[in-house]
Amino acid sequence: REPCRATDLEVLRRYTGPRGEGAGPRYRDVAEALGLTEDAVRKRLARCRAALREILRETVREYAADEREAEAEYRRIARE
């Protein structure tokens, strides 16, 4: 997998940042703010989400007794 880059993290920060009263920023809002296309925002968010899932999975493996337990715990936490 391609690692999450600094520009990806900025997209993630803007997309998940403080939401106020509405539903939060949409892909279009983030794209306009950063001079990107909506498709680029979607791809960057997908890359960050994948990186975060992998970090979570690796962290769970560090404390699980075995791979089976790690996978079960990961699925419980991530609700996959």
PDB file of N, CA and C in Angstrom:
ATOM      1  N   ARG A   1       0.815  -1.201   0.000  1.00  0.00           N
ATOM      2  CA  ARG A   1       0.000   0.000   0.000  1.00  0.00           C
ATOM      3  C   ARG A   1       0.845   1.246   0.000  1.00  0.00           C
ATOM      4  N   GLU A   2       0.325   2.254  -0.654  1.00  0.00           N
ATOM      5  CA  GLU A   2       1.013   3.532  -0.680  1.00  0.00           C
ATOM      6  C   GLU A   2       0.824   4.224   0.668  1.00  0.00           C
ATOM      7  N   PRO A   3       1.890   4.774   1.236  1.00  0.00           N
ATOM      8  CA  PRO A   3       1.762   5.420   2.545  1.00  0.00           C
ATOM      9  C   PRO A   3       0.940   6.705   2.467  1.00  0.00           C
ATOM     10  N   CYS A   4       0.403   7.079   3.591  1.00  0.00           N
ATOM     11  CA  CYS A   4      -0.365   8.312   3.720  1.00  0.00           C
ATOM     12  C   CYS A   4       0.624   9.482   3.716  1.00  0.00           C
ATOM     13  N   ARG A   5       0.441  10.436   2.828  1.00  0.00           N
ATOM     14  CA  ARG A   5       1.361  11.571   2.696  1.00  0.00           C
ATOM     15  C   ARG A   5       0.833  12.794   3.443  1.00  0.00           C
ATOM     16  N   ALA A   6       1.660  13.812   3.547  1.00  0.00           N
ATOM     17  CA  ALA A   6       1.289  15.042   4.261  1.00  0.00           C
ATOM     18  C   ALA A   6       0.028  15.666   3.664  1.00  0.00           C
ATOM     19  N   THR A   7      -0.082  15.695   2.337  1.00  0.00           N
ATOM     20  CA  THR A   7      -1.291  16.276   1.731  1.00  0.00           C
ATOM     21  C   THR A   7      -2.512  15.425   2.042  1.00  0.00           C
ATOM     22  N   ASP A   8      -2.318  14.112   2.140  1.00  0.00           N
ATOM     23  CA  ASP A   8      -3.418  13.224   2.511  1.00  0.00           C
ATOM     24  C   ASP A   8      -3.889  13.551   3.931  1.00  0.00           C
ATOM     25  N   LEU A   9      -2.929  13.784   4.818  1.00  0.00           N
ATOM     26  CA  LEU A   9      -3.270  14.093   6.205  1.00  0.00           C
ATOM     27  C   LEU A   9      -4.001  15.425   6.319  1.00  0.00           C
ATOM     28  N   GLU A  10      -3.656  16.378   5.471  1.00  0.00           N
ATOM     29  CA  GLU A  10      -4.367  17.658   5.480  1.00  0.00           C
ATOM     30  C   GLU A  10      -5.812  17.464   5.027  1.00  0.00           C
ATOM     31  N   VAL A  11      -6.016  16.635   4.031  1.00  0.00           N
ATOM     32  CA  VAL A  11      -7.377  16.319   3.589  1.00  0.00           C
ATOM     33  C   VAL A  11      -8.139  15.662   4.742  1.00  0.00           C
ATOM     34  N   LEU A  12      -7.521  14.693   5.386  1.00  0.00           N
ATOM     35  CA  LEU A  12      -8.164  14.006   6.511  1.00  0.00           C
ATOM     36  C   LEU A  12      -8.483  14.985   7.635  1.00  0.00           C
ATOM     37  N   ARG A  13      -7.544  15.865   7.953  1.00  0.00           N
ATOM     38  CA  ARG A  13      -7.753  16.847   9.024  1.00  0.00           C
ATOM     39  C   ARG A  13      -8.952  17.743   8.708  1.00  0.00           C
ATOM     40  N   ARG A  14      -9.018  18.230   7.493  1.00  0.00           N
ATOM     41  CA  ARG A  14     -10.128  19.113   7.117  1.00  0.00           C
ATOM     42  C   ARG A  14     -11.453  18.353   7.075  1.00  0.00           C
ATOM     43  N   TYR A  15     -11.414  17.110   6.617  1.00  0.00           N
ATOM     44  CA  TYR A  15     -12.651  16.330   6.492  1.00  0.00           C
ATOM     45  C   TYR A  15     -13.198  15.904   7.848  1.00  0.00           C
ATOM     46  N   THR A  16     -12.319  15.596   8.788  1.00  0.00           N
ATOM     47  CA  THR A  16     -12.762  15.098  10.093  1.00  0.00           C
ATOM     48  C   THR A  16     -12.685  16.152  11.184  1.00  0.00           C
ATOM     49  N   GLY A  17     -12.304  17.374  10.839  1.00  0.00           N
ATOM     50  CA  GLY A  17     -12.144  18.437  11.824  1.00  0.00           C
ATOM     51  C   GLY A  17     -13.455  18.839  12.471  1.00  0.00           C
ATOM     52  N   PRO A  18     -13.422  19.924  13.245  1.00  0.00           N
ATOM     53  CA  PRO A  18     -14.636  20.382  13.927  1.00  0.00           C
ATOM     54  C   PRO A  18     -15.787  20.548  12.943  1.00  0.00           C
ATOM     55  N   ARG A  19     -16.936  20.066  13.334  1.00  0.00           N
ATOM     56  CA  ARG A  19     -18.068  20.028  12.410  1.00  0.00           C
ATOM     57  C   ARG A  19     -19.134  21.076  12.692  1.00  0.00           C
ATOM     58  N   GLY A  20     -19.131  21.679  13.842  1.00  0.00           N
ATOM     59  CA  GLY A  20     -20.137  22.702  14.120  1.00  0.00           C
ATOM     60  C   GLY A  20     -21.536  22.134  14.086  1.00  0.00           C
ATOM     61  N   GLU A  21     -22.447  22.860  13.483  1.00  0.00           N
ATOM     62  CA  GLU A  21     -23.855  22.468  13.501  1.00  0.00           C
ATOM     63  C   GLU A  21     -24.278  21.574  12.343  1.00  0.00           C
ATOM     64  N   GLY A  22     -23.549  21.568  11.267  1.00  0.00           N
ATOM     65  CA  GLY A  22     -23.952  20.779  10.108  1.00  0.00           C
ATOM     66  C   GLY A  22     -23.364  19.383  10.140  1.00  0.00           C
ATOM     67  N   ALA A  23     -23.457  18.725   9.024  1.00  0.00           N
ATOM     68  CA  ALA A  23     -22.919  17.372   8.892  1.00  0.00           C
ATOM     69  C   ALA A  23     -21.420  17.385   8.675  1.00  0.00           C
ATOM     70  N   GLY A  24     -20.829  18.567   8.610  1.00  0.00           N
ATOM     71  CA  GLY A  24     -19.394  18.647   8.379  1.00  0.00           C
ATOM     72  C   GLY A  24     -19.092  18.888   6.922  1.00  0.00           C
ATOM     73  N   PRO A  25     -17.828  19.076   6.623  1.00  0.00           N
ATOM     74  CA  PRO A  25     -17.461  19.374   5.236  1.00  0.00           C
ATOM     75  C   PRO A  25     -17.714  18.180   4.324  1.00  0.00           C
ATOM     76  N   ARG A  26     -18.070  18.499   3.118  1.00  0.00           N
ATOM     77  CA  ARG A  26     -18.255  17.463   2.102  1.00  0.00           C
ATOM     78  C   ARG A  26     -16.989  17.377   1.269  1.00  0.00           C
ATOM     79  N   TYR A  27     -16.901  16.342   0.467  1.00  0.00           N
ATOM     80  CA  TYR A  27     -15.740  16.191  -0.406  1.00  0.00           C
ATOM     81  C   TYR A  27     -15.511  17.473  -1.207  1.00  0.00           C
ATOM     82  N   ARG A  28     -16.591  18.038  -1.728  1.00  0.00           N
ATOM     83  CA  ARG A  28     -16.482  19.235  -2.554  1.00  0.00           C
ATOM     84  C   ARG A  28     -15.870  20.395  -1.771  1.00  0.00           C
ATOM     85  N   ASP A  29     -16.303  20.568  -0.507  1.00  0.00           N
ATOM     86  CA  ASP A  29     -15.784  21.661   0.317  1.00  0.00           C
ATOM     87  C   ASP A  29     -14.283  21.517   0.544  1.00  0.00           C
ATOM     88  N   VAL A  30     -13.856  20.309   0.871  1.00  0.00           N
ATOM     89  CA  VAL A  30     -12.431  20.054   1.103  1.00  0.00           C
ATOM     90  C   VAL A  30     -11.654  20.246  -0.190  1.00  0.00           C
ATOM     91  N   ALA A  31     -12.201  19.737  -1.287  1.00  0.00           N
ATOM     92  CA  ALA A  31     -11.533  19.871  -2.585  1.00  0.00           C
ATOM     93  C   ALA A  31     -11.332  21.338  -2.952  1.00  0.00           C
ATOM     94  N   GLU A  32     -12.365  22.134  -2.792  1.00  0.00           N
ATOM     95  CA  GLU A  32     -12.257  23.556  -3.122  1.00  0.00           C
ATOM     96  C   GLU A  32     -11.245  24.258  -2.228  1.00  0.00           C
ATOM     97  N   ALA A  33     -11.257  23.945  -0.941  1.00  0.00           N
ATOM     98  CA  ALA A  33     -10.342  24.598  -0.003  1.00  0.00           C
ATOM     99  C   ALA A  33      -8.881  24.284  -0.313  1.00  0.00           C
ATOM    100  N   LEU A  34      -8.620  23.088  -0.834  1.00  0.00           N
ATOM    101  CA  LEU A  34      -7.247  22.661  -1.074  1.00  0.00           C
ATOM    102  C   LEU A  34      -6.853  22.675  -2.551  1.00  0.00           C
ATOM    103  N   GLY A  35      -7.769  23.083  -3.412  1.00  0.00           N
ATOM    104  CA  GLY A  35      -7.455  23.128  -4.842  1.00  0.00           C
ATOM    105  C   GLY A  35      -7.309  21.751  -5.462  1.00  0.00           C
ATOM    106  N   LEU A  36      -8.131  20.814  -5.004  1.00  0.00           N
ATOM    107  CA  LEU A  36      -8.097  19.442  -5.507  1.00  0.00           C
ATOM    108  C   LEU A  36      -9.427  19.104  -6.155  1.00  0.00           C
ATOM    109  N   THR A  37      -9.470  17.981  -6.837  1.00  0.00           N
ATOM    110  CA  THR A  37     -10.748  17.475  -7.340  1.00  0.00           C
ATOM    111  C   THR A  37     -11.404  16.642  -6.244  1.00  0.00           C
ATOM    112  N   GLU A  38     -12.711  16.439  -6.369  1.00  0.00           N
ATOM    113  CA  GLU A  38     -13.400  15.590  -5.399  1.00  0.00           C
ATOM    114  C   GLU A  38     -12.835  14.176  -5.435  1.00  0.00           C
ATOM    115  N   ASP A  39     -12.505  13.704  -6.615  1.00  0.00           N
ATOM    116  CA  ASP A  39     -11.931  12.361  -6.742  1.00  0.00           C
ATOM    117  C   ASP A  39     -10.602  12.267  -5.995  1.00  0.00           C
ATOM    118  N   ALA A  40      -9.779  13.314  -6.086  1.00  0.00           N
ATOM    119  CA  ALA A  40      -8.497  13.322  -5.364  1.00  0.00           C
ATOM    120  C   ALA A  40      -8.733  13.293  -3.858  1.00  0.00           C
ATOM    121  N   VAL A  41      -9.741  13.996  -3.388  1.00  0.00           N
ATOM    122  CA  VAL A  41     -10.069  13.983  -1.955  1.00  0.00           C
ATOM    123  C   VAL A  41     -10.479  12.573  -1.543  1.00  0.00           C
ATOM    124  N   ARG A  42     -11.336  11.935  -2.319  1.00  0.00           N
ATOM    125  CA  ARG A  42     -11.773  10.565  -2.004  1.00  0.00           C
ATOM    126  C   ARG A  42     -10.575   9.608  -1.940  1.00  0.00           C
ATOM    127  N   LYS A  43      -9.691   9.715  -2.920  1.00  0.00           N
ATOM    128  CA  LYS A  43      -8.525   8.827  -2.961  1.00  0.00           C
ATOM    129  C   LYS A  43      -7.605   9.061  -1.769  1.00  0.00           C
ATOM    130  N   ARG A  44      -7.397  10.327  -1.410  1.00  0.00           N
ATOM    131  CA  ARG A  44      -6.528  10.634  -0.268  1.00  0.00           C
ATOM    132  C   ARG A  44      -7.150  10.135   1.038  1.00  0.00           C
ATOM    133  N   LEU A  45      -8.456  10.302   1.187  1.00  0.00           N
ATOM    134  CA  LEU A  45      -9.122   9.795   2.391  1.00  0.00           C
ATOM    135  C   LEU A  45      -9.044   8.269   2.452  1.00  0.00           C
ATOM    136  N   ALA A  46      -9.217   7.622   1.315  1.00  0.00           N
ATOM    137  CA  ALA A  46      -9.127   6.157   1.286  1.00  0.00           C
ATOM    138  C   ALA A  46      -7.728   5.699   1.685  1.00  0.00           C
ATOM    139  N   ARG A  47      -6.709   6.400   1.224  1.00  0.00           N
ATOM    140  CA  ARG A  47      -5.334   6.048   1.566  1.00  0.00           C
ATOM    141  C   ARG A  47      -5.089   6.219   3.069  1.00  0.00           C
ATOM    142  N   CYS A  48      -5.593   7.306   3.634  1.00  0.00           N
ATOM    143  CA  CYS A  48      -5.427   7.531   5.074  1.00  0.00           C
ATOM    144  C   CYS A  48      -6.191   6.498   5.889  1.00  0.00           C
ATOM    145  N   ARG A  49      -7.411   6.185   5.474  1.00  0.00           N
ATOM    146  CA  ARG A  49      -8.201   5.180   6.197  1.00  0.00           C
ATOM    147  C   ARG A  49      -7.496   3.830   6.175  1.00  0.00           C
ATOM    148  N   ALA A  50      -6.946   3.468   5.032  1.00  0.00           N
ATOM    149  CA  ALA A  50      -6.224   2.195   4.927  1.00  0.00           C
ATOM    150  C   ALA A  50      -4.997   2.194   5.839  1.00  0.00           C
ATOM    151  N   ALA A  51      -4.275   3.310   5.870  1.00  0.00           N
ATOM    152  CA  ALA A  51      -3.095   3.407   6.739  1.00  0.00           C
ATOM    153  C   ALA A  51      -3.499   3.305   8.207  1.00  0.00           C
ATOM    154  N   LEU A  52      -4.594   3.951   8.580  1.00  0.00           N
ATOM    155  CA  LEU A  52      -5.056   3.889   9.967  1.00  0.00           C
ATOM    156  C   LEU A  52      -5.510   2.475  10.347  1.00  0.00           C
ATOM    157  N   ARG A  53      -6.172   1.790   9.412  1.00  0.00           N
ATOM    158  CA  ARG A  53      -6.566   0.393   9.680  1.00  0.00           C
ATOM    159  C   ARG A  53      -5.338  -0.480   9.910  1.00  0.00           C
ATOM    160  N   GLU A  54      -4.304  -0.279   9.113  1.00  0.00           N
ATOM    161  CA  GLU A  54      -3.084  -1.080   9.251  1.00  0.00           C
ATOM    162  C   GLU A  54      -2.381  -0.773  10.575  1.00  0.00           C
ATOM    163  N   ILE A  55      -2.342   0.486  10.976  1.00  0.00           N
ATOM    164  CA  ILE A  55      -1.752   0.844  12.269  1.00  0.00           C
ATOM    165  C   ILE A  55      -2.525   0.176  13.396  1.00  0.00           C
ATOM    166  N   LEU A  56      -3.844   0.201  13.324  1.00  0.00           N
ATOM    167  CA  LEU A  56      -4.668  -0.446  14.342  1.00  0.00           C
ATOM    168  C   LEU A  56      -4.397  -1.944  14.374  1.00  0.00           C
ATOM    169  N   ARG A  57      -4.360  -2.567  13.203  1.00  0.00           N
ATOM    170  CA  ARG A  57      -4.123  -4.009  13.124  1.00  0.00           C
ATOM    171  C   ARG A  57      -2.766  -4.375  13.728  1.00  0.00           C
ATOM    172  N   GLU A  58      -1.720  -3.614  13.405  1.00  0.00           N
ATOM    173  CA  GLU A  58      -0.385  -3.879  13.941  1.00  0.00           C
ATOM    174  C   GLU A  58      -0.348  -3.687  15.455  1.00  0.00           C
ATOM    175  N   THR A  59      -1.048  -2.676  15.946  1.00  0.00           N
ATOM    176  CA  THR A  59      -1.082  -2.420  17.383  1.00  0.00           C
ATOM    177  C   THR A  59      -1.759  -3.567  18.117  1.00  0.00           C
ATOM    178  N   VAL A  60      -2.847  -4.066  17.568  1.00  0.00           N
ATOM    179  CA  VAL A  60      -3.547  -5.194  18.191  1.00  0.00           C
ATOM    180  C   VAL A  60      -2.661  -6.432  18.190  1.00  0.00           C
ATOM    181  N   ARG A  61      -1.926  -6.656  17.123  1.00  0.00           N
ATOM    182  CA  ARG A  61      -1.029  -7.822  17.054  1.00  0.00           C
ATOM    183  C   ARG A  61       0.033  -7.785  18.145  1.00  0.00           C
ATOM    184  N   GLU A  62       0.445  -6.590  18.550  1.00  0.00           N
ATOM    185  CA  GLU A  62       1.487  -6.459  19.573  1.00  0.00           C
ATOM    186  C   GLU A  62       1.060  -7.029  20.920  1.00  0.00           C
ATOM    187  N   TYR A  63      -0.214  -6.956  21.242  1.00  0.00           N
ATOM    188  CA  TYR A  63      -0.636  -7.441  22.557  1.00  0.00           C
ATOM    189  C   TYR A  63      -1.481  -8.713  22.522  1.00  0.00           C
ATOM    190  N   ALA A  64      -1.865  -9.174  21.361  1.00  0.00           N
ATOM    191  CA  ALA A  64      -2.663 -10.399  21.268  1.00  0.00           C
ATOM    192  C   ALA A  64      -1.778 -11.627  21.462  1.00  0.00           C
ATOM    193  N   ALA A  65      -2.382 -12.682  21.977  1.00  0.00           N
ATOM    194  CA  ALA A  65      -1.643 -13.918  22.233  1.00  0.00           C
ATOM    195  C   ALA A  65      -1.218 -14.611  20.943  1.00  0.00           C
ATOM    196  N   ASP A  66      -2.058 -14.548  19.915  1.00  0.00           N
ATOM    197  CA  ASP A  66      -1.737 -15.183  18.642  1.00  0.00           C
ATOM    198  C   ASP A  66      -2.492 -14.467  17.520  1.00  0.00           C
ATOM    199  N   GLU A  67      -2.249 -14.901  16.295  1.00  0.00           N
ATOM    200  CA  GLU A  67      -2.845 -14.236  15.134  1.00  0.00           C
ATOM    201  C   GLU A  67      -4.375 -14.335  15.140  1.00  0.00           C
ATOM    202  N   ARG A  68      -4.891 -15.477  15.568  1.00  0.00           N
ATOM    203  CA  ARG A  68      -6.353 -15.653  15.609  1.00  0.00           C
ATOM    204  C   ARG A  68      -6.996 -14.662  16.582  1.00  0.00           C
ATOM    205  N   GLU A  69      -6.406 -14.538  17.753  1.00  0.00           N
ATOM    206  CA  GLU A  69      -6.918 -13.589  18.737  1.00  0.00           C
ATOM    207  C   GLU A  69      -6.778 -12.151  18.226  1.00  0.00           C
ATOM    208  N   ALA A  70      -5.663 -11.863  17.587  1.00  0.00           N
ATOM    209  CA  ALA A  70      -5.436 -10.518  17.049  1.00  0.00           C
ATOM    210  C   ALA A  70      -6.502 -10.165  16.019  1.00  0.00           C
ATOM    211  N   GLU A  71      -6.795 -11.092  15.132  1.00  0.00           N
ATOM    212  CA  GLU A  71      -7.785 -10.824  14.089  1.00  0.00           C
ATOM    213  C   GLU A  71      -9.173 -10.643  14.688  1.00  0.00           C
ATOM    214  N   ALA A  72      -9.521 -11.470  15.670  1.00  0.00           N
ATOM    215  CA  ALA A  72     -10.832 -11.333  16.323  1.00  0.00           C
ATOM    216  C   ALA A  72     -10.944  -9.997  17.043  1.00  0.00           C
ATOM    217  N   GLU A  73      -9.899  -9.605  17.733  1.00  0.00           N
ATOM    218  CA  GLU A  73      -9.914  -8.334  18.455  1.00  0.00           C
ATOM    219  C   GLU A  73      -9.965  -7.157  17.476  1.00  0.00           C
ATOM    220  N   TYR A  74      -9.215  -7.243  16.408  1.00  0.00           N
ATOM    221  CA  TYR A  74      -9.239  -6.182  15.397  1.00  0.00           C
ATOM    222  C   TYR A  74     -10.644  -6.028  14.832  1.00  0.00           C
ATOM    223  N   ARG A  75     -11.261  -7.130  14.486  1.00  0.00           N
ATOM    224  CA  ARG A  75     -12.613  -7.077  13.915  1.00  0.00           C
ATOM    225  C   ARG A  75     -13.612  -6.506  14.925  1.00  0.00           C
ATOM    226  N   ARG A  76     -13.437  -6.826  16.182  1.00  0.00           N
ATOM    227  CA  ARG A  76     -14.328  -6.286  17.218  1.00  0.00           C
ATOM    228  C   ARG A  76     -14.165  -4.776  17.314  1.00  0.00           C
ATOM    229  N   ILE A  77     -12.921  -4.327  17.329  1.00  0.00           N
ATOM    230  CA  ILE A  77     -12.660  -2.887  17.457  1.00  0.00           C
ATOM    231  C   ILE A  77     -13.088  -2.141  16.189  1.00  0.00           C
ATOM    232  N   ALA A  78     -12.703  -2.657  15.043  1.00  0.00           N
ATOM    233  CA  ALA A  78     -12.950  -1.986  13.777  1.00  0.00           C
ATOM    234  C   ALA A  78     -14.349  -2.263  13.232  1.00  0.00           C
ATOM    235  N   ARG A  79     -15.030  -3.214  13.844  1.00  0.00           N
ATOM    236  CA  ARG A  79     -16.371  -3.628  13.403  1.00  0.00           C
ATOM    237  C   ARG A  79     -16.402  -4.001  11.951  1.00  0.00           C
ATOM    238  N   GLU A  80     -15.429  -4.803  11.549  1.00  0.00           N
ATOM    239  CA  GLU A  80     -15.366  -5.295  10.167  1.00  0.00           C
ATOM    240  C   GLU A  80     -15.949  -6.671  10.084  1.00  0.00           C
TER     241      GLU A  80
END
